[in-house]
């Protein structure tokens, strides 16, 4: 994404630069959503681990 950001410098029009920025922002938003999903799955896994093995320190 950072490499794509640098292509803004090579843009010939403001519209082209805006299109590049929007494309990068969309990718960033998708990555953020993916990260949120991963965190949720990890949280559920820890919860299930705590319920299954309440004395295990690893799930704290």
C-alpha atoms as a PDB file:
ATOM      1  CA  UNK A   1       0.000   0.000   0.000  1.00  0.00           C
ATOM      2  CA  UNK A   2       2.849   2.367   0.768  1.00  0.00           C
ATOM      3  CA  UNK A   3       4.312   1.755  -2.652  1.00  0.00           C
ATOM      4  CA  UNK A   4       0.948   2.614  -4.204  1.00  0.00           C
ATOM      5  CA  UNK A   5       0.837   5.831  -2.197  1.00  0.00           C
ATOM      6  CA  UNK A   6       4.049   6.933  -3.878  1.00  0.00           C
ATOM      7  CA  UNK A   7       2.371   6.585  -7.275  1.00  0.00           C
ATOM      8  CA  UNK A   8       0.313   9.674  -6.350  1.00  0.00           C
ATOM      9  CA  UNK A   9       3.436  11.700  -7.152  1.00  0.00           C
ATOM     10  CA  UNK A  10       3.327  10.405 -10.715  1.00  0.00           C
ATOM     11  CA  UNK A  11      -0.347  11.331 -11.166  1.00  0.00           C
ATOM     12  CA  UNK A  12      -1.065  13.628 -14.060  1.00  0.00           C
ATOM     13  CA  UNK A  13      -4.393  14.941 -12.757  1.00  0.00           C
ATOM     14  CA  UNK A  14      -5.971  15.541  -9.340  1.00  0.00           C
ATOM     15  CA  UNK A  15      -8.674  13.025 -10.279  1.00  0.00           C
ATOM     16  CA  UNK A  16      -6.074  10.333 -10.926  1.00  0.00           C
ATOM     17  CA  UNK A  17      -4.409  11.081  -7.580  1.00  0.00           C
ATOM     18  CA  UNK A  18      -7.780  10.906  -5.831  1.00  0.00           C
ATOM     19  CA  UNK A  19      -8.495   7.545  -7.472  1.00  0.00           C
ATOM     20  CA  UNK A  20      -5.189   6.158  -6.238  1.00  0.00           C
ATOM     21  CA  UNK A  21      -5.793   7.448  -2.716  1.00  0.00           C
ATOM     22  CA  UNK A  22      -9.293   5.967  -2.636  1.00  0.00           C
ATOM     23  CA  UNK A  23      -7.949   2.605  -3.828  1.00  0.00           C
ATOM     24  CA  UNK A  24      -5.347   2.600  -1.041  1.00  0.00           C
ATOM     25  CA  UNK A  25      -7.938   3.679   1.546  1.00  0.00           C
ATOM     26  CA  UNK A  26     -10.225   0.812   0.489  1.00  0.00           C
ATOM     27  CA  UNK A  27      -7.370  -1.657   0.905  1.00  0.00           C
ATOM     28  CA  UNK A  28      -6.571  -0.202   4.330  1.00  0.00           C
ATOM     29  CA  UNK A  29     -10.202  -0.502   5.410  1.00  0.00           C
ATOM     30  CA  UNK A  30     -10.322  -4.142   4.305  1.00  0.00           C
ATOM     31  CA  UNK A  31      -7.109  -4.877   6.192  1.00  0.00           C
ATOM     32  CA  UNK A  32      -8.570  -3.235   9.281  1.00  0.00           C
ATOM     33  CA  UNK A  33     -11.736  -5.352   9.017  1.00  0.00           C
ATOM     34  CA  UNK A  34      -9.615  -8.492   8.630  1.00  0.00           C
ATOM     35  CA  UNK A  35      -7.610  -7.569  11.727  1.00  0.00           C
ATOM     36  CA  UNK A  36     -10.838  -7.077  13.688  1.00  0.00           C
ATOM     37  CA  UNK A  37     -12.031 -10.521  12.615  1.00  0.00           C
ATOM     38  CA  UNK A  38      -8.744 -12.104  13.676  1.00  0.00           C
ATOM     39  CA  UNK A  39      -8.939 -10.427  17.087  1.00  0.00           C
ATOM     40  CA  UNK A  40     -12.520 -11.643  17.564  1.00  0.00           C
ATOM     41  CA  UNK A  41     -11.584 -15.227  16.687  1.00  0.00           C
ATOM     42  CA  UNK A  42      -8.656 -15.120  19.130  1.00  0.00           C
ATOM     43  CA  UNK A  43     -10.934 -13.767  21.874  1.00  0.00           C
ATOM     44  CA  UNK A  44     -13.467 -16.546  21.314  1.00  0.00           C
ATOM     45  CA  UNK A  45     -10.676 -19.112  21.327  1.00  0.00           C
ATOM     46  CA  UNK A  46      -9.395 -17.812  24.652  1.00  0.00           C
ATOM     47  CA  UNK A  47     -12.911 -17.840  26.095  1.00  0.00           C
ATOM     48  CA  UNK A  48     -13.428 -21.447  25.015  1.00  0.00           C
ATOM     49  CA  UNK A  49     -10.025 -22.348  26.430  1.00  0.00           C
ATOM     50  CA  UNK A  50     -10.906 -20.757  29.783  1.00  0.00           C
ATOM     51  CA  UNK A  51     -14.229 -22.603  29.879  1.00  0.00           C
ATOM     52  CA  UNK A  52     -12.616 -25.928  29.002  1.00  0.00           C
ATOM     53  CA  UNK A  53      -9.515 -25.563  31.185  1.00  0.00           C
ATOM     54  CA  UNK A  54     -10.355 -23.025  33.946  1.00  0.00           C
ATOM     55  CA  UNK A  55      -7.097 -23.592  35.871  1.00  0.00           C
ATOM     56  CA  UNK A  56      -4.812 -23.160  32.830  1.00  0.00           C
ATOM     57  CA  UNK A  57      -2.812 -19.931  33.023  1.00  0.00           C
ATOM     58  CA  UNK A  58      -2.204 -19.840  29.278  1.00  0.00           C
ATOM     59  CA  UNK A  59      -5.716 -18.518  28.533  1.00  0.00           C
ATOM     60  CA  UNK A  60      -5.480 -15.489  30.842  1.00  0.00           C
END
